[in-house]
Amino acid sequence: MRLTFPLMAALMMPATAPAHPHVFVEARVTVVFDQDGGFGIKLDWFYDDLFSLLVTTDLGIDMDGDLLLTADEQTLLDEQITTWPADYAGDLEVSQAGETLALADKQDHRMTYEDGLFHEVHLRPVPALPDRDAPIQIRVFDPAFYTAYDLLQPVVIEGRDDCTATVLPADIDAAYALADSLLDGQDPNAVGPDDYFPEIGDAFADTIVLTCAGPL
């Protein structure tokens, strides 16, 4: 997950638990096919209540606690959330036959605030597929595991009715064992936000396998 100021400042507040990961997001994946043969991944991210509270406090929005944003507050939120750092890849990996595919810039990026929780949504087009007949693998993860994504099921498919999405769950025990081995025995759950954590977030990620009866 990308963290821009003041969102970074929000997560450094003392209320944040000193454990790894630090942000918890429910992720809904929608595979979108358009009429022109285009293909993309729509991501819906539903943030946890602590993160939502910290961001509203840090940005100074919804200070009256009515769970509604004014137009100015929504504009401020949009400015903070839609500007990604240059080194942020979007916590999305799409691959085919072991090759990671290039993703186009995000589209239709927006953030809403509902019942005290943040909901972020955007679309990442996949401009080219090496093989139109081979399955696609999709994973949502933060390489540094600062953010933990919980994949919501079922995976949604829009624009075609001949495709299926199978979810292969991550081996969480193996992922934590890997983290433990790379941290020289330090408890992965005790790693603070400023401490080193190996970039093994992919080990914690479920894998979506997309197959279609016809060419993608």
C-alpha atoms as a PDB file:
ATOM      1  CA  MET A   1       0.000   0.000   0.000  1.00  0.00           C
ATOM      2  CA  ARG A   2       1.252   3.479  -0.777  1.00  0.00           C
ATOM      3  CA  LEU A   3       1.391   5.903   2.128  1.00  0.00           C
ATOM      4  CA  THR A   4       1.439   9.603   1.393  1.00  0.00           C
ATOM      5  CA  PHE A   5       1.569  12.405   3.916  1.00  0.00           C
ATOM      6  CA  PRO A   6      -0.607  12.871   5.906  1.00  0.00           C
ATOM      7  CA  LEU A   7      -1.740   9.256   5.602  1.00  0.00           C
ATOM      8  CA  MET A   8       1.729   8.126   6.645  1.00  0.00           C
ATOM      9  CA  ALA A   9       1.518  10.377   9.681  1.00  0.00           C
ATOM     10  CA  ALA A  10      -1.828   8.874  10.601  1.00  0.00           C
ATOM     11  CA  LEU A  11      -0.403   5.381  10.809  1.00  0.00           C
ATOM     12  CA  MET A  12       2.512   6.528  12.940  1.00  0.00           C
ATOM     13  CA  MET A  13       0.210   7.727  15.708  1.00  0.00           C
ATOM     14  CA  PRO A  14       0.641   5.931  19.058  1.00  0.00           C
ATOM     15  CA  ALA A  15      -2.764   4.282  18.683  1.00  0.00           C
ATOM     16  CA  THR A  16      -1.413   2.089  15.912  1.00  0.00           C
ATOM     17  CA  ALA A  17      -0.627  -1.405  17.179  1.00  0.00           C
ATOM     18  CA  PRO A  18       3.130  -2.220  17.085  1.00  0.00           C
ATOM     19  CA  ALA A  19       2.672  -5.378  15.028  1.00  0.00           C
ATOM     20  CA  HIS A  20       3.145  -6.449  11.433  1.00  0.00           C
ATOM     21  CA  PRO A  21       1.013  -5.964   9.347  1.00  0.00           C
ATOM     22  CA  HIS A  22      -0.336  -2.541  10.321  1.00  0.00           C
ATOM     23  CA  VAL A  23      -3.280  -1.990   7.965  1.00  0.00           C
ATOM     24  CA  PHE A  24      -6.035  -4.492   7.225  1.00  0.00           C
ATOM     25  CA  VAL A  25      -8.024  -4.293   4.005  1.00  0.00           C
ATOM     26  CA  GLU A  26     -10.754  -6.462   2.559  1.00  0.00           C
ATOM     27  CA  ALA A  27     -10.197  -6.690  -1.188  1.00  0.00           C
ATOM     28  CA  ARG A  28     -12.800  -7.484  -3.810  1.00  0.00           C
ATOM     29  CA  VAL A  29     -11.462  -8.394  -7.245  1.00  0.00           C
ATOM     30  CA  THR A  30     -13.600  -7.927 -10.360  1.00  0.00           C
ATOM     31  CA  VAL A  31     -12.313  -9.143 -13.719  1.00  0.00           C
ATOM     32  CA  VAL A  32     -13.690  -6.776 -16.360  1.00  0.00           C
ATOM     33  CA  PHE A  33     -13.973  -7.571 -20.078  1.00  0.00           C
ATOM     34  CA  ASP A  34     -15.172  -4.848 -22.410  1.00  0.00           C
ATOM     35  CA  GLN A  35     -16.870  -5.138 -25.787  1.00  0.00           C
ATOM     36  CA  ASP A  36     -13.669  -4.239 -27.639  1.00  0.00           C
ATOM     37  CA  GLY A  37     -11.736  -7.171 -26.219  1.00  0.00           C
ATOM     38  CA  GLY A  38     -10.093  -5.157 -23.470  1.00  0.00           C
ATOM     39  CA  PHE A  39      -9.297  -6.740 -20.137  1.00  0.00           C
ATOM     40  CA  GLY A  40      -8.700  -5.243 -16.707  1.00  0.00           C
ATOM     41  CA  ILE A  41      -8.855  -5.768 -12.979  1.00  0.00           C
ATOM     42  CA  LYS A  42     -11.141  -3.656 -10.824  1.00  0.00           C
ATOM     43  CA  LEU A  43     -10.136  -3.468  -7.173  1.00  0.00           C
ATOM     44  CA  ASP A  44     -12.414  -2.522  -4.294  1.00  0.00           C
ATOM     45  CA  TRP A  45     -10.533  -1.965  -1.042  1.00  0.00           C
ATOM     46  CA  PHE A  46     -12.501  -1.764   2.208  1.00  0.00           C
ATOM     47  CA  TYR A  47     -10.357  -0.365   5.014  1.00  0.00           C
ATOM     48  CA  ASP A  48     -10.495  -1.365   8.658  1.00  0.00           C
ATOM     49  CA  ASP A  49     -12.082   0.870  11.280  1.00  0.00           C
ATOM     50  CA  LEU A  50      -8.816   1.895  12.972  1.00  0.00           C
ATOM     51  CA  PHE A  51      -7.220   3.071   9.757  1.00  0.00           C
ATOM     52  CA  SER A  52     -10.408   4.922   8.821  1.00  0.00           C
ATOM     53  CA  LEU A  53     -10.511   6.654  12.197  1.00  0.00           C
ATOM     54  CA  LEU A  54      -6.842   7.655  12.053  1.00  0.00           C
ATOM     55  CA  VAL A  55      -7.176   9.111   8.554  1.00  0.00           C
ATOM     56  CA  THR A  56     -10.263  11.158   9.355  1.00  0.00           C
ATOM     57  CA  THR A  57      -8.485  12.512  12.422  1.00  0.00           C
ATOM     58  CA  ASP A  58      -5.260  13.299  10.598  1.00  0.00           C
ATOM     59  CA  LEU A  59      -6.991  14.914   7.620  1.00  0.00           C
ATOM     60  CA  GLY A  60      -9.393  16.806   9.845  1.00  0.00           C
ATOM     61  CA  ILE A  61     -12.483  15.511   8.067  1.00  0.00           C
ATOM     62  CA  ASP A  62     -15.826  14.428   9.557  1.00  0.00           C
ATOM     63  CA  MET A  63     -14.936  16.277  12.733  1.00  0.00           C
ATOM     64  CA  ASP A  64     -18.621  16.563  13.597  1.00  0.00           C
ATOM     65  CA  GLY A  65     -18.904  12.772  13.594  1.00  0.00           C
ATOM     66  CA  ASP A  66     -21.983  12.615  11.355  1.00  0.00           C
ATOM     67  CA  LEU A  67     -20.188  10.108   9.023  1.00  0.00           C
ATOM     68  CA  LEU A  68     -20.746  12.436   6.059  1.00  0.00           C
ATOM     69  CA  LEU A  69     -18.163  14.444   4.159  1.00  0.00           C
ATOM     70  CA  THR A  70     -18.643  17.962   2.864  1.00  0.00           C
ATOM     71  CA  ALA A  71     -17.650  18.734  -0.729  1.00  0.00           C
ATOM     72  CA  ASP A  72     -14.392  20.306   0.492  1.00  0.00           C
ATOM     73  CA  GLU A  73     -13.631  17.292   2.677  1.00  0.00           C
ATOM     74  CA  GLN A  74     -14.237  14.918  -0.232  1.00  0.00           C
ATOM     75  CA  THR A  75     -11.934  16.995  -2.434  1.00  0.00           C
ATOM     76  CA  LEU A  76      -9.181  16.808   0.210  1.00  0.00           C
ATOM     77  CA  LEU A  77      -9.638  13.055   0.496  1.00  0.00           C
ATOM     78  CA  ASP A  78      -9.489  12.621  -3.276  1.00  0.00           C
ATOM     79  CA  GLU A  79      -6.288  14.653  -3.472  1.00  0.00           C
ATOM     80  CA  GLN A  80      -4.617  12.488  -0.840  1.00  0.00           C
ATOM     81  CA  ILE A  81      -5.714   9.080  -2.047  1.00  0.00           C
ATOM     82  CA  THR A  82      -5.470   9.372  -5.833  1.00  0.00           C
ATOM     83  CA  THR A  83      -1.894  10.649  -5.961  1.00  0.00           C
ATOM     84  CA  TRP A  84       0.367   7.606  -5.912  1.00  0.00           C
ATOM     85  CA  PRO A  85       4.118   7.804  -5.309  1.00  0.00           C
ATOM     86  CA  ALA A  86       6.224   7.019  -8.363  1.00  0.00           C
ATOM     87  CA  ASP A  87       7.559   3.815  -6.813  1.00  0.00           C
ATOM     88  CA  TYR A  88       4.138   2.409  -5.879  1.00  0.00           C
ATOM     89  CA  ALA A  89       2.953  -0.427  -8.148  1.00  0.00           C
ATOM     90  CA  GLY A  90      -0.602  -0.674  -6.805  1.00  0.00           C
ATOM     91  CA  ASP A  91      -0.400  -3.903  -4.751  1.00  0.00           C
ATOM     92  CA  LEU A  92      -1.673  -5.892  -7.742  1.00  0.00           C
ATOM     93  CA  GLU A  93       0.106  -8.586  -9.710  1.00  0.00           C
ATOM     94  CA  VAL A  94      -1.286 -10.152 -12.880  1.00  0.00           C
ATOM     95  CA  SER A  95       0.748 -12.959 -14.431  1.00  0.00           C
ATOM     96  CA  GLN A  96       0.581 -15.627 -17.086  1.00  0.00           C
ATOM     97  CA  ALA A  97       2.800 -18.709 -17.371  1.00  0.00           C
ATOM     98  CA  GLY A  98       5.112 -17.286 -14.690  1.00  0.00           C
ATOM     99  CA  GLU A  99       5.530 -13.918 -16.426  1.00  0.00           C
ATOM    100  CA  THR A 100       4.339 -10.798 -14.639  1.00  0.00           C
ATOM    101  CA  LEU A 101       2.280  -8.669 -17.011  1.00  0.00           C
ATOM    102  CA  ALA A 102       2.511  -4.906 -17.352  1.00  0.00           C
ATOM    103  CA  LEU A 103      -0.465  -2.926 -16.071  1.00  0.00           C
ATOM    104  CA  ALA A 104      -1.726   0.358 -17.452  1.00  0.00           C
ATOM    105  CA  ASP A 105      -2.306   3.417 -15.292  1.00  0.00           C
ATOM    106  CA  LYS A 106      -5.289   3.256 -12.969  1.00  0.00           C
ATOM    107  CA  GLN A 107      -8.672   4.497 -14.124  1.00  0.00           C
ATOM    108  CA  ASP A 108     -11.876   5.631 -12.392  1.00  0.00           C
ATOM    109  CA  HIS A 109     -10.060   6.055  -9.073  1.00  0.00           C
ATOM    110  CA  ARG A 110     -12.276   7.222  -6.235  1.00  0.00           C
ATOM    111  CA  MET A 111     -12.687   6.990  -2.485  1.00  0.00           C
ATOM    112  CA  THR A 112     -15.873   7.069  -0.457  1.00  0.00           C
ATOM    113  CA  TYR A 113     -16.569   7.282   3.253  1.00  0.00           C
ATOM    114  CA  GLU A 114     -19.546   5.237   4.387  1.00  0.00           C
ATOM    115  CA  ASP A 115     -20.617   4.441   7.947  1.00  0.00           C
ATOM    116  CA  GLY A 116     -17.226   5.519   9.248  1.00  0.00           C
ATOM    117  CA  LEU A 117     -15.196   3.333   6.883  1.00  0.00           C
ATOM    118  CA  PHE A 118     -13.229   4.109   3.725  1.00  0.00           C
ATOM    119  CA  HIS A 119     -13.896   2.320   0.434  1.00  0.00           C
ATOM    120  CA  GLU A 120     -11.414   2.820  -2.402  1.00  0.00           C
ATOM    121  CA  VAL A 121     -11.999   1.610  -5.960  1.00  0.00           C
ATOM    122  CA  HIS A 122     -10.053   1.768  -9.219  1.00  0.00           C
ATOM    123  CA  LEU A 123      -9.484  -0.175 -12.449  1.00  0.00           C
ATOM    124  CA  ARG A 124      -6.114  -1.413 -13.741  1.00  0.00           C
ATOM    125  CA  PRO A 125      -6.248  -2.321 -17.448  1.00  0.00           C
ATOM    126  CA  VAL A 126      -4.014  -5.128 -18.711  1.00  0.00           C
ATOM    127  CA  PRO A 127      -2.948  -3.838 -22.144  1.00  0.00           C
ATOM    128  CA  ALA A 128      -1.327  -6.984 -23.563  1.00  0.00           C
ATOM    129  CA  LEU A 129      -1.551 -10.746 -23.047  1.00  0.00           C
ATOM    130  CA  PRO A 130       1.259 -12.956 -24.408  1.00  0.00           C
ATOM    131  CA  ASP A 131      -1.139 -15.879 -24.801  1.00  0.00           C
ATOM    132  CA  ARG A 132      -4.877 -15.343 -25.298  1.00  0.00           C
ATOM    133  CA  ASP A 133      -5.610 -18.972 -24.407  1.00  0.00           C
ATOM    134  CA  ALA A 134      -3.566 -19.525 -21.220  1.00  0.00           C
ATOM    135  CA  PRO A 135      -4.973 -18.997 -17.704  1.00  0.00           C
ATOM    136  CA  ILE A 136      -4.301 -15.750 -15.854  1.00  0.00           C
ATOM    137  CA  GLN A 137      -3.118 -15.517 -12.242  1.00  0.00           C
ATOM    138  CA  ILE A 138      -4.122 -12.524 -10.111  1.00  0.00           C
ATOM    139  CA  ARG A 139      -2.789 -11.630  -6.665  1.00  0.00           C
ATOM    140  CA  VAL A 140      -3.396  -8.635  -4.417  1.00  0.00           C
ATOM    141  CA  PHE A 141      -0.599  -8.015  -1.930  1.00  0.00           C
ATOM    142  CA  ASP A 142       1.736  -5.468  -0.405  1.00  0.00           C
ATOM    143  CA  PRO A 143       5.319  -6.723  -0.981  1.00  0.00           C
ATOM    144  CA  ALA A 144       6.415  -5.432   2.431  1.00  0.00           C
ATOM    145  CA  PHE A 145       3.281  -6.868   4.121  1.00  0.00           C
ATOM    146  CA  TYR A 146       2.651  -3.504   5.782  1.00  0.00           C
ATOM    147  CA  THR A 147      -0.901  -3.961   4.552  1.00  0.00           C
ATOM    148  CA  ALA A 148      -2.671  -7.307   4.816  1.00  0.00           C
ATOM    149  CA  TYR A 149      -5.313  -7.942   2.167  1.00  0.00           C
ATOM    150  CA  ASP A 150      -8.158 -10.357   2.873  1.00  0.00           C
ATOM    151  CA  LEU A 151      -9.588 -11.511  -0.448  1.00  0.00           C
ATOM    152  CA  LEU A 152     -13.370 -11.388  -0.582  1.00  0.00           C
ATOM    153  CA  GLN A 153     -15.091 -14.205  -2.406  1.00  0.00           C
ATOM    154  CA  PRO A 154     -16.475 -14.929  -4.870  1.00  0.00           C
ATOM    155  CA  VAL A 155     -14.340 -13.188  -7.456  1.00  0.00           C
ATOM    156  CA  VAL A 156     -16.611 -11.236  -9.807  1.00  0.00           C
ATOM    157  CA  ILE A 157     -16.398 -11.534 -13.602  1.00  0.00           C
ATOM    158  CA  GLU A 158     -18.045  -8.884 -15.775  1.00  0.00           C
ATOM    159  CA  GLY A 159     -18.532  -8.875 -19.547  1.00  0.00           C
ATOM    160  CA  ARG A 160     -18.270 -12.619 -20.177  1.00  0.00           C
ATOM    161  CA  ASP A 161     -20.106 -15.742 -19.038  1.00  0.00           C
ATOM    162  CA  ASP A 162     -17.595 -18.388 -20.171  1.00  0.00           C
ATOM    163  CA  CYS A 163     -14.914 -17.664 -17.542  1.00  0.00           C
ATOM    164  CA  THR A 164     -14.345 -19.043 -14.065  1.00  0.00           C
ATOM    165  CA  ALA A 165     -12.167 -17.830 -11.208  1.00  0.00           C
ATOM    166  CA  THR A 166     -10.654 -20.337  -8.792  1.00  0.00           C
ATOM    167  CA  VAL A 167      -9.003 -19.125  -5.573  1.00  0.00           C
ATOM    168  CA  LEU A 168      -5.917 -20.944  -4.304  1.00  0.00           C
ATOM    169  CA  PRO A 169      -5.460 -19.964  -0.636  1.00  0.00           C
ATOM    170  CA  ALA A 170      -2.051 -18.886   0.605  1.00  0.00           C
ATOM    171  CA  ASP A 171      -0.206 -21.163   3.028  1.00  0.00           C
ATOM    172  CA  ILE A 172      -0.151 -18.722   5.945  1.00  0.00           C
ATOM    173  CA  ASP A 173       1.845 -21.033   8.230  1.00  0.00           C
ATOM    174  CA  ALA A 174       4.535 -21.389   5.568  1.00  0.00           C
ATOM    175  CA  ALA A 175       4.530 -17.621   4.983  1.00  0.00           C
ATOM    176  CA  TYR A 176       5.133 -16.872   8.661  1.00  0.00           C
ATOM    177  CA  ALA A 177       7.788 -19.576   8.806  1.00  0.00           C
ATOM    178  CA  LEU A 178       9.538 -17.867   5.900  1.00  0.00           C
ATOM    179  CA  ALA A 179       9.291 -14.503   7.668  1.00  0.00           C
ATOM    180  CA  ASP A 180      10.666 -16.041  10.857  1.00  0.00           C
ATOM    181  CA  SER A 181      13.636 -17.518   9.013  1.00  0.00           C
ATOM    182  CA  LEU A 182      14.459 -14.183   7.365  1.00  0.00           C
ATOM    183  CA  LEU A 183      14.105 -12.249  10.624  1.00  0.00           C
ATOM    184  CA  ASP A 184      16.608 -14.414  12.506  1.00  0.00           C
ATOM    185  CA  GLY A 185      13.972 -15.723  14.880  1.00  0.00           C
ATOM    186  CA  GLN A 186      12.313 -12.391  15.636  1.00  0.00           C
ATOM    187  CA  ASP A 187       8.541 -12.712  15.985  1.00  0.00           C
ATOM    188  CA  PRO A 188       7.057 -11.316  12.727  1.00  0.00           C
ATOM    189  CA  ASN A 189       4.079 -10.016  14.713  1.00  0.00           C
ATOM    190  CA  ALA A 190       6.403  -7.870  16.831  1.00  0.00           C
ATOM    191  CA  VAL A 191       8.023  -5.978  13.950  1.00  0.00           C
ATOM    192  CA  GLY A 192       7.262  -2.265  14.269  1.00  0.00           C
ATOM    193  CA  PRO A 193       6.334   0.127  11.433  1.00  0.00           C
ATOM    194  CA  ASP A 194       9.873   1.508  11.175  1.00  0.00           C
ATOM    195  CA  ASP A 195      11.630  -1.860  11.461  1.00  0.00           C
ATOM    196  CA  TYR A 196      12.918  -4.034   8.644  1.00  0.00           C
ATOM    197  CA  PHE A 197      10.533  -6.616   7.237  1.00  0.00           C
ATOM    198  CA  PRO A 198      11.451  -8.726   4.197  1.00  0.00           C
ATOM    199  CA  GLU A 199       9.468  -8.150   1.008  1.00  0.00           C
ATOM    200  CA  ILE A 200       7.598 -11.445   1.142  1.00  0.00           C
ATOM    201  CA  GLY A 201       4.038 -10.149   1.076  1.00  0.00           C
ATOM    202  CA  ASP A 202       3.394 -12.375  -1.931  1.00  0.00           C
ATOM    203  CA  ALA A 203       3.756 -15.430   0.334  1.00  0.00           C
ATOM    204  CA  PHE A 204       0.650 -14.280   2.242  1.00  0.00           C
ATOM    205  CA  ALA A 205      -1.430 -13.698  -0.913  1.00  0.00           C
ATOM    206  CA  ASP A 206      -4.210 -15.904  -2.240  1.00  0.00           C
ATOM    207  CA  THR A 207      -3.939 -16.635  -5.958  1.00  0.00           C
ATOM    208  CA  ILE A 208      -6.864 -16.217  -8.332  1.00  0.00           C
ATOM    209  CA  VAL A 209      -6.676 -18.433 -11.413  1.00  0.00           C
ATOM    210  CA  LEU A 210      -8.835 -17.158 -14.277  1.00  0.00           C
ATOM    211  CA  THR A 211      -9.726 -19.552 -17.072  1.00  0.00           C
ATOM    212  CA  CYS A 212     -12.050 -19.008 -20.018  1.00  0.00           C
ATOM    213  CA  ALA A 213     -13.598 -21.352 -22.572  1.00  0.00           C
ATOM    214  CA  GLY A 214     -12.575 -19.036 -25.409  1.00  0.00           C
ATOM    215  CA  PRO A 215      -9.611 -16.701 -25.985  1.00  0.00           C
ATOM    216  CA  LEU A 216      -9.111 -13.977 -23.402  1.00  0.00           C
END
